[in-house]
Amino acid sequence: MDSVRSHTADEIVQMMNQTPLFMTSLENAEDDGTRPSYGENVLLEAIKALQYEGTKAEIALGFKERGNEAIAEKRWKDAKEFYTKGILALKQEPQEQPKDPISEFQKERAIEEACYINRALCNLELHARALENFRSCLSDTAHTLSLTPTNQKAHYRSALALLSLSRLPEAHDITTRGLTLTSPSSSQHSSFKSLLSKITTAQSALALKQQQAAQRTLRLQQEHRTLLSALAARGIKQRASSTDGVHKQPELEDAVIHLSPDPLNPASELVFPLLFLYPLVAESDFVKKVSEREILGEVLKVVLPAPWDEQGEYAGVERVEMFAETAQGG
């Protein structure tokens, strides 16, 4: 008793977890350095070996049943691992030869189908952790359908994964096929109809989004053509931007040349960003929007005097000479 009292409650639980009689999981057995390791525990190894005794169907069935128990407790990760072991067991060489090979083959197919379709459910429930689980779900349902093309669960879970991946045409197709496999009065039929409604709603929303995006693109193209026409009418030439990858255009956000108030009317007022350079102090001011009808001196009155002009070099508009770069030169 004194030896027990010398350990904390957590340490006692960990010690018990190393003893086969008290273990809650063979997979989670850990070596804390005070007990024989997992590989050295002879009794534990003997219990573990029992999982792999029998025919392939018997071994896989054991893993499938443990997976079902884990699903009942919503331990999706553990369940997925058990089903995976069941699938792998069916691919191994048998420890024992079956007495009835035909019956054994039928059992193996049924267990394989159950493991794949139930692992697909685990992948759906684990979707919050990674989108890759949806793809794994599709892989499992595909295997299930290769074994039994009329499996309703495979159709339904495949459709759920496809919907989550926004692969809507495929989701709609497999849901429609799933509907044909169910009785109109069954709960499965209602589930497929409800899912089909969600997919149809998602398709409508996506179609509307794509339509709106196309309209925005068309509008921007029209505005751009109108702006080019307005610039040409005013005799304003544009220079091509550098594309050498070295001289990159600055991010100006909404500071762009545009027509206001109607971007589709070339007679609208031209608005453009304006950059003031002050070479005596190596400073600058950037004005996002200046109308073609504004006088530069009036715009400059808004930014001068500047807080950085400690020497008063740019104390006021009347003390400043302005030079503008034009197509003909400075």
Protein backbone atom coordinates (compact mmCIF):
# COMPACT_ATOMS: atom_id res chain seq x y z
CA MET A 1 0.00 0.00 0.00
CA ASP A 2 2.88 2.36 0.79
CA SER A 3 4.28 1.82 -2.71
CA VAL A 4 0.94 2.86 -4.16
CA ARG A 5 0.71 5.96 -1.98
CA SER A 6 4.07 7.13 -3.29
CA HIS A 7 2.53 7.69 -6.75
CA THR A 8 0.07 10.29 -7.97
CA ALA A 9 -3.36 9.32 -9.31
CA ASP A 10 -2.22 9.89 -12.91
CA GLU A 11 0.85 7.72 -12.38
CA ILE A 12 -1.30 4.92 -10.95
CA VAL A 13 -3.64 5.05 -13.95
CA GLN A 14 -0.63 4.94 -16.27
CA MET A 15 0.83 1.95 -14.43
CA MET A 16 -2.51 0.12 -14.63
CA ASN A 17 -2.63 0.89 -18.34
CA GLN A 18 0.53 -1.20 -18.73
CA THR A 19 -1.19 -4.22 -17.16
CA PRO A 20 -3.30 -6.20 -19.66
CA LEU A 21 -6.05 -6.87 -17.10
CA PHE A 22 -6.73 -3.14 -16.68
CA MET A 23 -5.93 -1.85 -20.16
CA THR A 24 -8.59 0.17 -21.94
CA SER A 25 -6.83 -0.01 -25.31
CA LEU A 26 -4.09 -2.16 -26.81
CA GLU A 27 -3.18 0.63 -29.22
CA ASN A 28 -2.66 3.24 -26.52
CA ALA A 29 -0.39 1.19 -24.28
CA GLU A 30 2.62 3.35 -23.37
CA ASP A 31 5.96 2.62 -21.79
CA ASP A 32 6.63 4.97 -18.89
CA GLY A 33 10.09 3.56 -18.26
CA THR A 34 9.06 1.74 -15.05
CA ARG A 35 7.33 -1.24 -16.69
CA PRO A 36 8.36 -3.68 -19.42
CA SER A 37 8.00 -2.05 -22.79
CA TYR A 38 5.16 -2.88 -25.18
CA GLY A 39 7.35 -5.30 -27.09
CA GLU A 40 8.69 -6.94 -23.90
CA ASN A 41 5.31 -7.52 -22.23
CA VAL A 42 4.78 -11.20 -23.09
CA LEU A 43 1.21 -11.39 -21.85
CA LEU A 44 0.29 -8.24 -23.76
CA GLU A 45 1.84 -9.60 -26.93
CA ALA A 46 -0.14 -12.79 -26.52
CA ILE A 47 -3.39 -10.85 -26.20
CA LYS A 48 -2.46 -8.72 -29.18
CA ALA A 49 -1.75 -11.82 -31.26
CA LEU A 50 -5.30 -13.03 -30.70
CA GLN A 51 -6.44 -10.22 -33.02
CA TYR A 52 -4.71 -12.00 -35.91
CA GLU A 53 -5.76 -15.61 -35.29
CA GLY A 54 -8.23 -17.28 -37.61
CA THR A 55 -9.19 -16.88 -41.24
CA LYS A 56 -8.97 -13.53 -43.00
CA ALA A 57 -12.72 -13.05 -42.62
CA GLU A 58 -12.60 -13.81 -38.88
CA ILE A 59 -9.72 -11.40 -38.28
CA ALA A 60 -11.32 -8.64 -40.34
CA LEU A 61 -14.67 -9.23 -38.66
CA GLY A 62 -13.06 -8.64 -35.28
CA PHE A 63 -11.70 -5.28 -36.40
CA LYS A 64 -15.02 -4.35 -38.00
CA GLU A 65 -16.92 -5.05 -34.79
CA ARG A 66 -14.45 -2.98 -32.78
CA GLY A 67 -14.89 -0.21 -35.30
CA ASN A 68 -18.66 -0.43 -34.89
CA GLU A 69 -18.25 -0.13 -31.12
CA ALA A 70 -16.07 2.95 -31.57
CA ILE A 71 -18.66 4.52 -33.91
CA ALA A 72 -21.37 3.92 -31.32
CA GLU A 73 -19.26 5.97 -28.90
CA LYS A 74 -18.47 8.55 -31.62
CA ARG A 75 -14.75 7.79 -31.43
CA TRP A 76 -14.34 8.43 -35.13
CA LYS A 77 -10.55 8.36 -35.26
CA ASP A 78 -10.35 5.01 -33.44
CA ALA A 79 -13.14 3.59 -35.59
CA LYS A 80 -11.36 4.63 -38.75
CA GLU A 81 -8.20 2.89 -37.58
CA PHE A 82 -10.08 -0.35 -36.83
CA TYR A 83 -11.76 -0.38 -40.24
CA THR A 84 -8.41 0.26 -41.90
CA LYS A 85 -6.95 -2.71 -40.04
CA GLY A 86 -9.91 -4.81 -41.14
CA ILE A 87 -9.32 -3.87 -44.78
CA LEU A 88 -5.61 -4.64 -44.48
CA ALA A 89 -6.35 -7.99 -42.82
CA LEU A 90 -8.32 -9.02 -45.90
CA LYS A 91 -5.29 -8.31 -48.08
CA GLN A 92 -2.88 -10.45 -46.02
CA GLU A 93 -2.10 -14.12 -46.43
CA PRO A 94 -4.51 -16.14 -44.26
CA GLN A 95 -3.27 -17.62 -40.97
CA GLU A 96 -5.78 -20.44 -41.37
CA GLN A 97 -7.28 -21.92 -44.50
CA PRO A 98 -11.10 -21.74 -44.60
CA LYS A 99 -13.11 -24.95 -44.67
CA ASP A 100 -15.52 -23.48 -47.24
CA PRO A 101 -13.63 -21.18 -49.67
CA ILE A 102 -16.80 -19.99 -51.44
CA SER A 103 -18.54 -19.05 -48.19
CA GLU A 104 -15.32 -17.45 -46.95
CA PHE A 105 -15.07 -15.32 -50.11
CA GLN A 106 -18.64 -14.09 -49.66
CA LYS A 107 -17.93 -13.20 -46.04
CA GLU A 108 -14.77 -11.33 -47.03
CA ARG A 109 -16.63 -9.24 -49.61
CA ALA A 110 -19.39 -8.36 -47.14
CA ILE A 111 -16.88 -7.38 -44.44
CA GLU A 112 -14.79 -5.41 -46.92
CA GLU A 113 -17.85 -3.52 -48.10
CA ALA A 114 -18.86 -2.73 -44.49
CA CYS A 115 -15.35 -1.57 -43.56
CA TYR A 116 -15.09 0.76 -46.56
CA ILE A 117 -18.54 2.29 -46.18
CA ASN A 118 -18.15 2.75 -42.42
CA ARG A 119 -14.69 4.23 -42.82
CA ALA A 120 -16.27 6.67 -45.29
CA LEU A 121 -18.62 7.74 -42.48
CA CYS A 122 -15.62 8.28 -40.18
CA ASN A 123 -13.97 10.46 -42.81
CA LEU A 124 -17.14 12.54 -43.08
CA GLU A 125 -17.29 13.02 -39.32
CA LEU A 126 -13.59 13.94 -39.22
CA HIS A 127 -14.04 16.53 -42.01
CA ALA A 128 -13.44 19.52 -39.72
CA ARG A 129 -9.81 18.53 -39.34
CA ALA A 130 -8.91 18.37 -43.02
CA LEU A 131 -10.56 18.54 -46.41
CA GLU A 132 -8.45 15.53 -47.34
CA ASN A 133 -10.92 13.43 -45.33
CA PHE A 134 -13.62 14.22 -47.90
CA ARG A 135 -11.38 12.85 -50.63
CA SER A 136 -10.68 9.78 -48.51
CA CYS A 137 -14.43 9.37 -48.10
CA LEU A 138 -14.85 9.42 -51.89
CA SER A 139 -12.14 6.80 -52.25
CA ASP A 140 -13.85 4.53 -49.71
CA THR A 141 -17.29 4.92 -51.27
CA ALA A 142 -15.81 4.19 -54.70
CA HIS A 143 -14.38 0.94 -53.34
CA THR A 144 -17.76 0.12 -51.82
CA LEU A 145 -19.56 0.73 -55.11
CA SER A 146 -17.06 -1.43 -56.95
CA LEU A 147 -18.12 -4.25 -54.65
CA THR A 148 -21.84 -3.44 -54.58
CA PRO A 149 -22.97 -0.85 -57.16
CA THR A 150 -26.39 -0.53 -55.49
CA ASN A 151 -25.12 0.32 -52.01
CA GLN A 152 -27.34 3.22 -50.90
CA LYS A 153 -25.05 4.40 -48.10
CA ALA A 154 -22.16 4.65 -50.55
CA HIS A 155 -24.25 6.86 -52.85
CA TYR A 156 -25.40 9.05 -49.98
CA ARG A 157 -22.02 9.52 -48.30
CA SER A 158 -20.31 10.08 -51.62
CA ALA A 159 -22.83 12.82 -52.40
CA LEU A 160 -22.20 14.45 -49.00
CA ALA A 161 -18.44 14.50 -49.64
CA LEU A 162 -18.88 15.87 -53.16
CA LEU A 163 -21.19 18.60 -51.85
CA SER A 164 -18.62 19.57 -49.22
CA LEU A 165 -15.96 19.75 -51.95
CA SER A 166 -18.31 21.94 -54.08
CA ARG A 167 -18.29 19.34 -56.84
CA LEU A 168 -21.97 20.01 -57.39
CA PRO A 169 -22.67 18.37 -60.79
CA GLU A 170 -21.16 15.09 -59.54
CA ALA A 171 -23.05 15.38 -56.25
CA HIS A 172 -26.30 15.96 -58.13
CA ASP A 173 -25.66 12.99 -60.42
CA ILE A 174 -24.93 10.44 -57.70
CA THR A 175 -27.81 11.68 -55.52
CA THR A 176 -30.20 11.29 -58.44
CA ARG A 177 -28.93 7.75 -58.98
CA GLY A 178 -29.30 7.05 -55.27
CA LEU A 179 -32.94 8.10 -55.41
CA THR A 180 -33.65 5.42 -57.99
CA LEU A 181 -32.33 2.78 -55.57
CA THR A 182 -34.75 3.61 -52.77
CA SER A 183 -38.44 3.07 -52.26
CA PRO A 184 -40.48 6.32 -52.45
CA SER A 185 -41.97 5.58 -49.02
CA SER A 186 -38.65 4.85 -47.29
CA SER A 187 -36.70 7.12 -44.96
CA GLN A 188 -33.67 6.68 -47.24
CA HIS A 189 -35.66 8.18 -50.11
CA SER A 190 -36.53 11.19 -47.96
CA SER A 191 -32.86 11.61 -47.01
CA PHE A 192 -31.81 11.57 -50.66
CA LYS A 193 -34.53 14.10 -51.56
CA SER A 194 -33.44 16.42 -48.75
CA LEU A 195 -29.82 16.16 -49.87
CA LEU A 196 -30.81 16.77 -53.49
CA SER A 197 -32.62 19.93 -52.39
CA LYS A 198 -29.46 21.19 -50.67
CA ILE A 199 -27.39 20.44 -53.77
CA THR A 200 -29.91 22.20 -56.03
CA THR A 201 -29.88 25.23 -53.73
CA ALA A 202 -26.08 25.28 -53.78
CA GLN A 203 -26.09 25.03 -57.58
CA SER A 204 -28.51 27.96 -57.85
CA ALA A 205 -26.38 30.03 -55.48
CA LEU A 206 -23.24 29.19 -57.45
CA ALA A 207 -24.93 30.02 -60.77
CA LEU A 208 -26.04 33.39 -59.38
CA LYS A 209 -22.55 34.08 -58.06
CA GLN A 210 -21.01 33.23 -61.43
CA GLN A 211 -23.57 35.40 -63.22
CA GLN A 212 -22.82 38.35 -60.95
CA ALA A 213 -19.07 37.85 -61.43
CA ALA A 214 -19.55 37.81 -65.21
CA GLN A 215 -21.61 40.99 -65.03
CA ARG A 216 -18.92 42.70 -62.92
CA THR A 217 -16.25 41.64 -65.40
CA LEU A 218 -18.29 42.95 -68.33
CA ARG A 219 -18.94 46.22 -66.49
CA LEU A 220 -15.23 46.70 -65.76
CA GLN A 221 -14.37 46.04 -69.40
CA GLN A 222 -16.93 48.62 -70.53
CA GLU A 223 -15.62 51.17 -68.03
CA HIS A 224 -12.06 50.58 -69.20
CA ARG A 225 -12.98 51.06 -72.87
CA THR A 226 -14.89 54.25 -71.99
CA LEU A 227 -11.93 55.59 -70.00
CA LEU A 228 -9.55 54.95 -72.91
CA SER A 229 -11.94 56.80 -75.20
CA ALA A 230 -12.14 59.73 -72.76
CA LEU A 231 -8.34 59.94 -72.45
CA ALA A 232 -7.92 59.85 -76.23
CA ALA A 233 -10.52 62.62 -76.65
CA ARG A 234 -8.54 64.79 -74.20
CA GLY A 235 -5.25 64.08 -75.96
CA ILE A 236 -3.84 62.28 -72.93
CA LYS A 237 -1.34 59.56 -73.78
CA GLN A 238 -0.60 56.57 -71.60
CA ARG A 239 2.69 54.84 -71.03
CA ALA A 240 2.88 51.07 -70.75
CA SER A 241 3.68 49.73 -67.30
CA SER A 242 6.97 47.95 -66.77
CA THR A 243 6.70 44.17 -67.01
CA ASP A 244 10.35 43.31 -66.34
CA GLY A 245 9.55 42.06 -62.83
CA VAL A 246 11.91 44.59 -61.25
CA HIS A 247 10.00 47.88 -61.48
CA LYS A 248 6.69 46.93 -59.93
CA GLN A 249 3.67 49.19 -59.84
CA PRO A 250 2.85 50.43 -56.31
CA GLU A 251 -0.35 49.33 -54.60
CA LEU A 252 -2.63 52.36 -54.93
CA GLU A 253 -5.88 50.70 -53.76
CA ASP A 254 -8.72 52.94 -54.98
CA ALA A 255 -6.39 55.72 -56.21
CA VAL A 256 -6.96 55.16 -59.92
CA ILE A 257 -7.87 57.22 -62.96
CA HIS A 258 -11.62 57.08 -63.50
CA LEU A 259 -14.64 58.95 -64.80
CA SER A 260 -17.15 60.44 -62.37
CA PRO A 261 -20.04 60.36 -61.75
CA ASP A 262 -20.81 58.00 -64.67
CA PRO A 263 -17.89 55.71 -65.60
CA LEU A 264 -19.69 54.74 -68.82
CA ASN A 265 -19.97 58.32 -70.09
CA PRO A 266 -16.77 59.65 -71.74
CA ALA A 267 -18.00 63.21 -71.11
CA SER A 268 -17.93 62.65 -67.34
CA GLU A 269 -15.35 64.41 -65.20
CA LEU A 270 -11.87 62.84 -65.26
CA VAL A 271 -10.50 62.09 -61.80
CA PHE A 272 -6.92 61.01 -61.16
CA PRO A 273 -4.36 60.61 -58.35
CA LEU A 274 -1.71 63.30 -57.97
CA LEU A 275 1.82 63.10 -56.58
CA PHE A 276 3.61 66.24 -55.28
CA LEU A 277 7.41 66.00 -54.98
CA TYR A 278 9.40 68.38 -52.77
CA PRO A 279 13.05 67.97 -53.87
CA LEU A 280 14.52 70.42 -51.33
CA VAL A 281 13.55 68.19 -48.42
CA ALA A 282 13.12 64.84 -50.21
CA GLU A 283 9.47 64.59 -49.22
CA SER A 284 6.24 63.99 -51.09
CA ASP A 285 2.46 64.20 -50.80
CA PHE A 286 0.00 61.89 -52.46
CA VAL A 287 -3.56 62.99 -53.21
CA LYS A 288 -5.88 60.13 -54.21
CA LYS A 289 -8.50 62.09 -56.13
CA VAL A 290 -8.08 65.30 -58.09
CA SER A 291 -10.56 66.51 -60.69
CA GLU A 292 -9.42 67.71 -64.10
CA ARG A 293 -11.37 70.88 -63.36
CA GLU A 294 -9.47 71.75 -60.19
CA ILE A 295 -6.59 74.25 -60.12
CA LEU A 296 -3.32 72.80 -58.87
CA GLY A 297 -2.70 75.79 -56.63
CA GLU A 298 -5.99 75.19 -54.85
CA VAL A 299 -5.13 71.54 -54.32
CA LEU A 300 -1.71 72.50 -52.97
CA LYS A 301 -3.30 74.84 -50.42
CA VAL A 302 -4.86 71.79 -48.82
CA VAL A 303 -1.52 70.05 -48.16
CA LEU A 304 0.69 73.05 -47.37
CA PRO A 305 2.20 74.01 -45.02
CA ALA A 306 3.34 70.51 -44.16
CA PRO A 307 4.36 69.33 -40.65
CA TRP A 308 7.70 68.03 -41.94
CA ASP A 309 8.71 71.44 -43.36
CA GLU A 310 10.66 72.65 -40.30
CA GLN A 311 12.74 75.14 -42.32
CA GLY A 312 9.71 76.67 -44.01
CA GLU A 313 10.94 75.88 -47.49
CA TYR A 314 7.32 75.18 -48.51
CA ALA A 315 5.54 77.50 -46.11
CA GLY A 316 2.79 78.43 -48.56
CA VAL A 317 1.59 78.22 -52.15
CA GLU A 318 2.86 81.72 -52.92
CA ARG A 319 6.45 80.63 -52.15
CA VAL A 320 6.34 77.52 -54.33
CA GLU A 321 7.14 77.12 -57.99
CA MET A 322 5.40 74.15 -59.62
CA PHE A 323 6.69 72.07 -62.49
CA ALA A 324 4.68 69.33 -64.19
CA GLU A 325 5.94 66.52 -66.38
CA THR A 326 4.16 66.45 -69.75
CA ALA A 327 4.38 64.35 -72.89
CA GLN A 328 6.75 66.96 -74.35
CA GLY A 329 9.03 66.98 -71.29
CA GLY A 330 9.36 68.69 -67.90
